[in-house]
Amino acid sequence: MDTRSETPWTEAGQDPELLRQAQRGDLAAALRIYSAHAIPLWRVCLVLTQHPREAERLFQETIEHATRELPGAPVQQPLLPWLARLARELDANRAGTRPLEPSRLGADRPDGRPWDERAPDVTVEQHALQGYLLLDRDDQWLLALRLFEQLSYDDIARVTGLPVERVAERLAFARDQVDQDDDAQERAA
């Protein structure tokens, strides 16, 4: 039976035990930590980079960096927020090499699959994603934690270190911005 938490973002689960073992040099324990958090960490990397190949590179860099920083990892806390913060720091350090203009939707969906123009909601999805891409990167991050990871405002506050009130304020602003962009795109069509 799988005993991992349904909300690994904010619950430590087996992380403290595995981390102590990994800090003593147990490679299998370190691999179990990374394996337990691989999928949500990869999604974090995809949200940050907005490109599958760049996400994979950031994911690998984050694991490498985390392995070097493992002795200083927070022992009694969940490790996924720590890993996500490392990914955000690494991504921010590379931000100077990226173009300043916002991302645009391409011929393919963000996950690499082609857009299915016959799908009933493809236009709505494209408009929502375009609005998302126009948001500030910090607001994209908060919105992704809420919508993609389905974290509560309290959990987002714990992950980001922001006060709950600030999380709620920024998420409301982000939703308004996406809605306004969607309305503008519909009027232009």
C-alpha atoms as a PDB file:
ATOM      1  CA  MET A   1       0.000   0.000   0.000  1.00  0.00           C
ATOM      2  CA  ASP A   2       1.266   3.480  -0.887  1.00  0.00           C
ATOM      3  CA  THR A   3       1.438   5.570   2.283  1.00  0.00           C
ATOM      4  CA  ARG A   4       2.535   8.829   0.660  1.00  0.00           C
ATOM      5  CA  SER A   5       0.449  11.853   1.510  1.00  0.00           C
ATOM      6  CA  GLU A   6      -2.171  13.084  -0.936  1.00  0.00           C
ATOM      7  CA  THR A   7      -0.744  16.598  -0.403  1.00  0.00           C
ATOM      8  CA  PRO A   8       3.041  16.111  -0.509  1.00  0.00           C
ATOM      9  CA  TRP A   9       3.642  19.842  -0.896  1.00  0.00           C
ATOM     10  CA  THR A  10       3.002  20.693   2.737  1.00  0.00           C
ATOM     11  CA  GLU A  11       3.177  17.377   4.579  1.00  0.00           C
ATOM     12  CA  ALA A  12       6.577  15.968   5.442  1.00  0.00           C
ATOM     13  CA  GLY A  13       5.546  12.303   5.186  1.00  0.00           C
ATOM     14  CA  GLN A  14       8.692  10.175   5.018  1.00  0.00           C
ATOM     15  CA  ASP A  15      10.890  13.107   3.971  1.00  0.00           C
ATOM     16  CA  PRO A  16      12.568  13.648   7.386  1.00  0.00           C
ATOM     17  CA  GLU A  17      13.517   9.989   7.791  1.00  0.00           C
ATOM     18  CA  LEU A  18      14.768   9.672   4.214  1.00  0.00           C
ATOM     19  CA  LEU A  19      16.607  12.989   4.411  1.00  0.00           C
ATOM     20  CA  ARG A  20      18.503  11.969   7.556  1.00  0.00           C
ATOM     21  CA  GLN A  21      19.522   8.729   5.819  1.00  0.00           C
ATOM     22  CA  ALA A  22      20.554  10.608   2.680  1.00  0.00           C
ATOM     23  CA  GLN A  23      22.557  13.098   4.726  1.00  0.00           C
ATOM     24  CA  ARG A  24      24.463  10.124   6.187  1.00  0.00           C
ATOM     25  CA  GLY A  25      25.359   9.051   2.642  1.00  0.00           C
ATOM     26  CA  ASP A  26      22.540   6.621   1.810  1.00  0.00           C
ATOM     27  CA  LEU A  27      22.172   7.027  -1.954  1.00  0.00           C
ATOM     28  CA  ALA A  28      19.020   4.872  -2.071  1.00  0.00           C
ATOM     29  CA  ALA A  29      17.303   7.231   0.388  1.00  0.00           C
ATOM     30  CA  ALA A  30      18.234  10.262  -1.729  1.00  0.00           C
ATOM     31  CA  LEU A  31      16.881   8.538  -4.825  1.00  0.00           C
ATOM     32  CA  ARG A  32      13.617   7.731  -3.000  1.00  0.00           C
ATOM     33  CA  ILE A  33      13.249  11.414  -2.044  1.00  0.00           C
ATOM     34  CA  TYR A  34      13.752  12.564  -5.630  1.00  0.00           C
ATOM     35  CA  SER A  35      11.519   9.831  -6.992  1.00  0.00           C
ATOM     36  CA  ALA A  36       8.703  10.741  -4.593  1.00  0.00           C
ATOM     37  CA  HIS A  37       8.787  14.363  -5.747  1.00  0.00           C
ATOM     38  CA  ALA A  38       9.810  13.958  -9.397  1.00  0.00           C
ATOM     39  CA  ILE A  39       6.430  14.573 -11.054  1.00  0.00           C
ATOM     40  CA  PRO A  40       5.396  17.713  -9.139  1.00  0.00           C
ATOM     41  CA  LEU A  41       8.966  19.068  -9.359  1.00  0.00           C
ATOM     42  CA  TRP A  42       8.964  18.544 -13.131  1.00  0.00           C
ATOM     43  CA  ARG A  43       5.620  20.394 -13.346  1.00  0.00           C
ATOM     44  CA  VAL A  44       7.193  23.250 -11.357  1.00  0.00           C
ATOM     45  CA  CYS A  45      10.043  23.353 -13.868  1.00  0.00           C
ATOM     46  CA  LEU A  46       7.576  23.377 -16.772  1.00  0.00           C
ATOM     47  CA  VAL A  47       5.600  26.237 -15.214  1.00  0.00           C
ATOM     48  CA  LEU A  48       8.804  28.207 -14.671  1.00  0.00           C
ATOM     49  CA  THR A  49      10.322  27.668 -18.118  1.00  0.00           C
ATOM     50  CA  GLN A  50       7.146  27.167 -20.189  1.00  0.00           C
ATOM     51  CA  HIS A  51       9.035  24.795 -22.488  1.00  0.00           C
ATOM     52  CA  PRO A  52       9.457  20.998 -22.119  1.00  0.00           C
ATOM     53  CA  ARG A  53      13.168  20.881 -23.048  1.00  0.00           C
ATOM     54  CA  GLU A  54      14.021  23.823 -20.809  1.00  0.00           C
ATOM     55  CA  ALA A  55      11.926  22.240 -18.042  1.00  0.00           C
ATOM     56  CA  GLU A  56      13.919  19.033 -18.323  1.00  0.00           C
ATOM     57  CA  ARG A  57      17.193  20.943 -18.128  1.00  0.00           C
ATOM     58  CA  LEU A  58      15.994  22.926 -15.097  1.00  0.00           C
ATOM     59  CA  PHE A  59      14.739  19.709 -13.463  1.00  0.00           C
ATOM     60  CA  GLN A  60      18.170  18.085 -13.858  1.00  0.00           C
ATOM     61  CA  GLU A  61      19.960  21.210 -12.587  1.00  0.00           C
ATOM     62  CA  THR A  62      17.621  21.347  -9.589  1.00  0.00           C
ATOM     63  CA  ILE A  63      18.329  17.710  -8.676  1.00  0.00           C
ATOM     64  CA  GLU A  64      22.085  18.301  -9.051  1.00  0.00           C
ATOM     65  CA  HIS A  65      21.909  21.454  -6.914  1.00  0.00           C
ATOM     66  CA  ALA A  66      19.701  19.762  -4.315  1.00  0.00           C
ATOM     67  CA  THR A  67      22.146  16.873  -4.057  1.00  0.00           C
ATOM     68  CA  ARG A  68      24.989  19.294  -3.271  1.00  0.00           C
ATOM     69  CA  GLU A  69      22.768  21.211  -0.805  1.00  0.00           C
ATOM     70  CA  LEU A  70      21.281  18.112   0.866  1.00  0.00           C
ATOM     71  CA  PRO A  71      23.292  18.562   4.103  1.00  0.00           C
ATOM     72  CA  GLY A  72      21.548  21.922   4.648  1.00  0.00           C
ATOM     73  CA  ALA A  73      18.038  20.802   3.646  1.00  0.00           C
ATOM     74  CA  PRO A  74      15.252  21.413   6.190  1.00  0.00           C
ATOM     75  CA  VAL A  75      15.019  18.163   8.174  1.00  0.00           C
ATOM     76  CA  GLN A  76      11.569  18.406   9.798  1.00  0.00           C
ATOM     77  CA  GLN A  77       9.781  19.991   6.856  1.00  0.00           C
ATOM     78  CA  PRO A  78       8.419  18.689   3.567  1.00  0.00           C
ATOM     79  CA  LEU A  79      11.098  18.745   0.879  1.00  0.00           C
ATOM     80  CA  LEU A  80       8.977  19.550  -2.171  1.00  0.00           C
ATOM     81  CA  PRO A  81       8.678  23.276  -1.297  1.00  0.00           C
ATOM     82  CA  TRP A  82      12.448  23.359  -0.734  1.00  0.00           C
ATOM     83  CA  LEU A  83      13.057  21.695  -4.113  1.00  0.00           C
ATOM     84  CA  ALA A  84      10.619  24.100  -5.799  1.00  0.00           C
ATOM     85  CA  ARG A  85      12.404  27.102  -4.253  1.00  0.00           C
ATOM     86  CA  LEU A  86      15.730  25.751  -5.542  1.00  0.00           C
ATOM     87  CA  ALA A  87      14.225  25.433  -9.034  1.00  0.00           C
ATOM     88  CA  ARG A  88      12.880  29.000  -8.846  1.00  0.00           C
ATOM     89  CA  GLU A  89      16.279  30.322  -7.725  1.00  0.00           C
ATOM     90  CA  LEU A  90      18.089  28.503 -10.525  1.00  0.00           C
ATOM     91  CA  ASP A  91      15.530  29.735 -13.043  1.00  0.00           C
ATOM     92  CA  ALA A  92      15.796  33.311 -11.756  1.00  0.00           C
ATOM     93  CA  ASN A  93      19.581  33.163 -12.110  1.00  0.00           C
ATOM     94  CA  ARG A  94      19.129  32.258 -15.791  1.00  0.00           C
ATOM     95  CA  ALA A  95      16.371  34.823 -16.385  1.00  0.00           C
ATOM     96  CA  GLY A  96      18.864  37.369 -17.692  1.00  0.00           C
ATOM     97  CA  THR A  97      19.562  35.164 -20.714  1.00  0.00           C
ATOM     98  CA  ARG A  98      15.882  34.960 -21.739  1.00  0.00           C
ATOM     99  CA  PRO A  99      14.118  37.468 -23.965  1.00  0.00           C
ATOM    100  CA  LEU A 100      12.120  40.101 -22.078  1.00  0.00           C
ATOM    101  CA  GLU A 101       8.965  39.860 -24.181  1.00  0.00           C
ATOM    102  CA  PRO A 102       6.237  37.544 -22.880  1.00  0.00           C
ATOM    103  CA  SER A 103       5.883  34.035 -24.224  1.00  0.00           C
ATOM    104  CA  ARG A 104       3.464  33.391 -27.040  1.00  0.00           C
ATOM    105  CA  LEU A 105       1.377  30.353 -27.811  1.00  0.00           C
ATOM    106  CA  GLY A 106       2.948  28.226 -30.495  1.00  0.00           C
ATOM    107  CA  ALA A 107       1.644  25.694 -32.944  1.00  0.00           C
ATOM    108  CA  ASP A 108       1.683  23.121 -30.138  1.00  0.00           C
ATOM    109  CA  ARG A 109       0.209  23.036 -26.654  1.00  0.00           C
ATOM    110  CA  PRO A 110       2.626  23.725 -23.769  1.00  0.00           C
ATOM    111  CA  ASP A 111       2.915  19.962 -23.172  1.00  0.00           C
ATOM    112  CA  GLY A 112       4.137  19.473 -26.772  1.00  0.00           C
ATOM    113  CA  ARG A 113       0.953  17.959 -28.198  1.00  0.00           C
ATOM    114  CA  PRO A 114      -0.591  19.706 -31.206  1.00  0.00           C
ATOM    115  CA  TRP A 115      -3.699  21.839 -30.715  1.00  0.00           C
ATOM    116  CA  ASP A 116      -6.838  19.946 -31.724  1.00  0.00           C
ATOM    117  CA  GLU A 117      -8.783  22.641 -33.563  1.00  0.00           C
ATOM    118  CA  ARG A 118     -11.861  20.382 -33.570  1.00  0.00           C
ATOM    119  CA  ALA A 119     -11.997  20.272 -29.772  1.00  0.00           C
ATOM    120  CA  PRO A 120     -14.971  22.308 -28.490  1.00  0.00           C
ATOM    121  CA  ASP A 121     -13.012  24.367 -25.940  1.00  0.00           C
ATOM    122  CA  VAL A 122      -9.712  24.838 -27.781  1.00  0.00           C
ATOM    123  CA  THR A 123     -10.258  28.577 -28.288  1.00  0.00           C
ATOM    124  CA  VAL A 124     -11.148  29.081 -24.618  1.00  0.00           C
ATOM    125  CA  GLU A 125      -8.035  27.145 -23.590  1.00  0.00           C
ATOM    126  CA  GLN A 126      -5.832  29.132 -25.973  1.00  0.00           C
ATOM    127  CA  HIS A 127      -7.208  32.439 -24.684  1.00  0.00           C
ATOM    128  CA  ALA A 128      -6.720  31.376 -21.054  1.00  0.00           C
ATOM    129  CA  LEU A 129      -3.162  30.230 -21.714  1.00  0.00           C
ATOM    130  CA  GLN A 130      -2.315  33.417 -23.575  1.00  0.00           C
ATOM    131  CA  GLY A 131      -3.624  35.449 -20.646  1.00  0.00           C
ATOM    132  CA  TYR A 132      -1.562  33.293 -18.286  1.00  0.00           C
ATOM    133  CA  LEU A 133       1.589  33.857 -20.374  1.00  0.00           C
ATOM    134  CA  LEU A 134       1.109  37.630 -20.115  1.00  0.00           C
ATOM    135  CA  LEU A 135       1.110  37.546 -16.300  1.00  0.00           C
ATOM    136  CA  ASP A 136       4.121  38.455 -14.211  1.00  0.00           C
ATOM    137  CA  ARG A 137       6.219  35.327 -13.481  1.00  0.00           C
ATOM    138  CA  ASP A 138       5.443  35.512  -9.748  1.00  0.00           C
ATOM    139  CA  ASP A 139       1.704  35.619 -10.463  1.00  0.00           C
ATOM    140  CA  GLN A 140       2.089  32.705 -12.904  1.00  0.00           C
ATOM    141  CA  TRP A 141       3.754  30.777 -10.091  1.00  0.00           C
ATOM    142  CA  LEU A 142       0.915  31.451  -7.627  1.00  0.00           C
ATOM    143  CA  LEU A 143      -1.758  30.638 -10.196  1.00  0.00           C
ATOM    144  CA  ALA A 144       0.008  27.405 -11.139  1.00  0.00           C
ATOM    145  CA  LEU A 145       0.189  26.327  -7.496  1.00  0.00           C
ATOM    146  CA  ARG A 146      -3.537  27.006  -7.136  1.00  0.00           C
ATOM    147  CA  LEU A 147      -4.833  25.597 -10.432  1.00  0.00           C
ATOM    148  CA  PHE A 148      -2.339  22.920 -11.462  1.00  0.00           C
ATOM    149  CA  GLU A 149      -1.191  21.698  -8.066  1.00  0.00           C
ATOM    150  CA  GLN A 150      -4.589  22.452  -6.447  1.00  0.00           C
ATOM    151  CA  LEU A 151      -3.063  23.836  -3.268  1.00  0.00           C
ATOM    152  CA  SER A 152      -5.160  25.808  -0.803  1.00  0.00           C
ATOM    153  CA  TYR A 153      -4.329  29.438  -0.092  1.00  0.00           C
ATOM    154  CA  ASP A 154      -2.856  28.349   3.265  1.00  0.00           C
ATOM    155  CA  ASP A 155      -0.638  25.758   1.567  1.00  0.00           C
ATOM    156  CA  ILE A 156       0.471  28.272  -1.080  1.00  0.00           C
ATOM    157  CA  ALA A 157       1.398  30.657   1.729  1.00  0.00           C
ATOM    158  CA  ARG A 158       3.472  27.906   3.397  1.00  0.00           C
ATOM    159  CA  VAL A 159       5.199  26.989   0.134  1.00  0.00           C
ATOM    160  CA  THR A 160       5.977  30.566  -0.916  1.00  0.00           C
ATOM    161  CA  GLY A 161       6.469  32.218   2.465  1.00  0.00           C
ATOM    162  CA  LEU A 162       3.908  34.908   1.569  1.00  0.00           C
ATOM    163  CA  PRO A 163       1.099  35.879   3.949  1.00  0.00           C
ATOM    164  CA  VAL A 164      -2.235  34.238   3.095  1.00  0.00           C
ATOM    165  CA  GLU A 165      -3.793  37.663   2.497  1.00  0.00           C
ATOM    166  CA  ARG A 166      -1.110  38.484  -0.086  1.00  0.00           C
ATOM    167  CA  VAL A 167      -1.645  35.118  -1.804  1.00  0.00           C
ATOM    168  CA  ALA A 168      -5.386  35.780  -2.039  1.00  0.00           C
ATOM    169  CA  GLU A 169      -4.804  39.314  -3.322  1.00  0.00           C
ATOM    170  CA  ARG A 170      -2.303  38.256  -6.013  1.00  0.00           C
ATOM    171  CA  LEU A 171      -4.466  35.321  -7.157  1.00  0.00           C
ATOM    172  CA  ALA A 172      -7.505  37.577  -7.493  1.00  0.00           C
ATOM    173  CA  PHE A 173      -5.407  40.028  -9.507  1.00  0.00           C
ATOM    174  CA  ALA A 174      -4.048  37.234 -11.725  1.00  0.00           C
ATOM    175  CA  ARG A 175      -7.525  35.870 -12.427  1.00  0.00           C
ATOM    176  CA  ASP A 176      -8.766  39.365 -13.284  1.00  0.00           C
ATOM    177  CA  GLN A 177      -5.842  39.862 -15.677  1.00  0.00           C
ATOM    178  CA  VAL A 178      -6.496  36.541 -17.438  1.00  0.00           C
ATOM    179  CA  ASP A 179     -10.214  37.381 -17.697  1.00  0.00           C
ATOM    180  CA  GLN A 180      -9.468  40.853 -19.093  1.00  0.00           C
ATOM    181  CA  ASP A 181      -7.088  39.429 -21.683  1.00  0.00           C
ATOM    182  CA  ASP A 182      -9.666  36.797 -22.641  1.00  0.00           C
ATOM    183  CA  ASP A 183     -12.338  39.499 -23.052  1.00  0.00           C
ATOM    184  CA  ALA A 184      -9.964  41.585 -25.201  1.00  0.00           C
ATOM    185  CA  GLN A 185      -9.175  38.582 -27.405  1.00  0.00           C
ATOM    186  CA  GLU A 186     -12.877  37.821 -27.866  1.00  0.00           C
ATOM    187  CA  ARG A 187     -13.630  41.426 -28.845  1.00  0.00           C
ATOM    188  CA  ALA A 188     -10.757  41.375 -31.339  1.00  0.00           C
ATOM    189  CA  ALA A 189     -11.945  38.116 -32.931  1.00  0.00           C
END
